[in-house]
């Protein structure tokens, strides 16, 4: 079972966060909570992608190269 990176979701969350930061409307408690949640989700997805990239796949040596058969 292979895990695919969630690039479209990550890009969408980053775009949403950028728009929320640029919004000139006064920040309410709900908006502050939403921003915090979006930041946490972005960080969680980035951390998960680093784990997936750092985890050796079956048939690969620890350095990421294919093992000779």
Protein backbone atom coordinates (compact mmCIF):
# COMPACT_ATOMS: atom_id res chain seq x y z
CA UNK A 1 0.00 0.00 0.00
CA UNK A 2 1.51 3.27 -1.11
CA UNK A 3 0.70 6.63 0.43
CA UNK A 4 0.37 9.46 -2.05
CA UNK A 5 1.28 12.99 -0.94
CA UNK A 6 -1.74 15.27 -0.53
CA UNK A 7 -0.34 18.11 -2.65
CA UNK A 8 -3.68 19.47 -3.87
CA UNK A 9 -5.01 19.65 -0.29
CA UNK A 10 -1.80 21.21 0.99
CA UNK A 11 -1.79 23.81 -1.77
CA UNK A 12 -5.46 24.60 -1.12
CA UNK A 13 -4.83 25.06 2.60
CA UNK A 14 -1.86 27.34 1.94
CA UNK A 15 -3.95 29.42 -0.47
CA UNK A 16 -6.78 29.64 2.06
CA UNK A 17 -4.39 30.72 4.81
CA UNK A 18 -2.81 33.37 2.58
CA UNK A 19 -6.25 34.78 1.75
CA UNK A 20 -7.26 34.80 5.42
CA UNK A 21 -4.06 36.63 6.37
CA UNK A 22 -4.60 39.23 3.64
CA UNK A 23 -8.23 39.89 4.59
CA UNK A 24 -8.49 43.41 6.08
CA UNK A 25 -11.57 42.52 8.15
CA UNK A 26 -11.13 42.61 11.91
CA UNK A 27 -10.07 39.26 13.35
CA UNK A 28 -12.72 37.62 15.48
CA UNK A 29 -12.16 34.76 17.92
CA UNK A 30 -13.67 32.36 15.36
CA UNK A 31 -11.35 33.58 12.62
CA UNK A 32 -8.35 33.27 14.91
CA UNK A 33 -9.38 29.68 15.71
CA UNK A 34 -9.83 28.91 12.02
CA UNK A 35 -6.38 30.29 11.20
CA UNK A 36 -4.86 28.21 13.99
CA UNK A 37 -6.60 25.07 12.72
CA UNK A 38 -5.47 25.68 9.13
CA UNK A 39 -1.87 26.28 10.30
CA UNK A 40 -1.98 23.04 12.30
CA UNK A 41 -3.33 21.07 9.34
CA UNK A 42 -0.64 22.46 7.04
CA UNK A 43 2.06 21.51 9.56
CA UNK A 44 0.59 18.01 10.00
CA UNK A 45 0.48 17.35 6.25
CA UNK A 46 4.04 18.64 5.79
CA UNK A 47 5.26 16.43 8.66
CA UNK A 48 3.48 13.39 7.21
CA UNK A 49 5.06 14.02 3.81
CA UNK A 50 8.52 14.20 5.39
CA UNK A 51 7.88 10.85 7.11
CA UNK A 52 6.70 9.24 3.87
CA UNK A 53 9.73 10.56 1.97
CA UNK A 54 12.14 9.47 4.72
CA UNK A 55 10.68 5.95 5.05
CA UNK A 56 12.54 3.40 2.89
CA UNK A 57 10.23 1.61 0.49
CA UNK A 58 10.28 -2.19 0.05
CA UNK A 59 12.98 -3.23 -2.38
CA UNK A 60 15.07 -0.13 -1.70
CA UNK A 61 18.26 0.14 0.29
CA UNK A 62 18.36 2.55 3.26
CA UNK A 63 19.94 5.18 1.00
CA UNK A 64 16.87 5.10 -1.27
CA UNK A 65 18.50 3.26 -4.16
CA UNK A 66 17.10 0.01 -5.49
CA UNK A 67 18.76 -3.09 -4.17
CA UNK A 68 20.27 -5.35 -6.79
CA UNK A 69 18.28 -8.51 -7.40
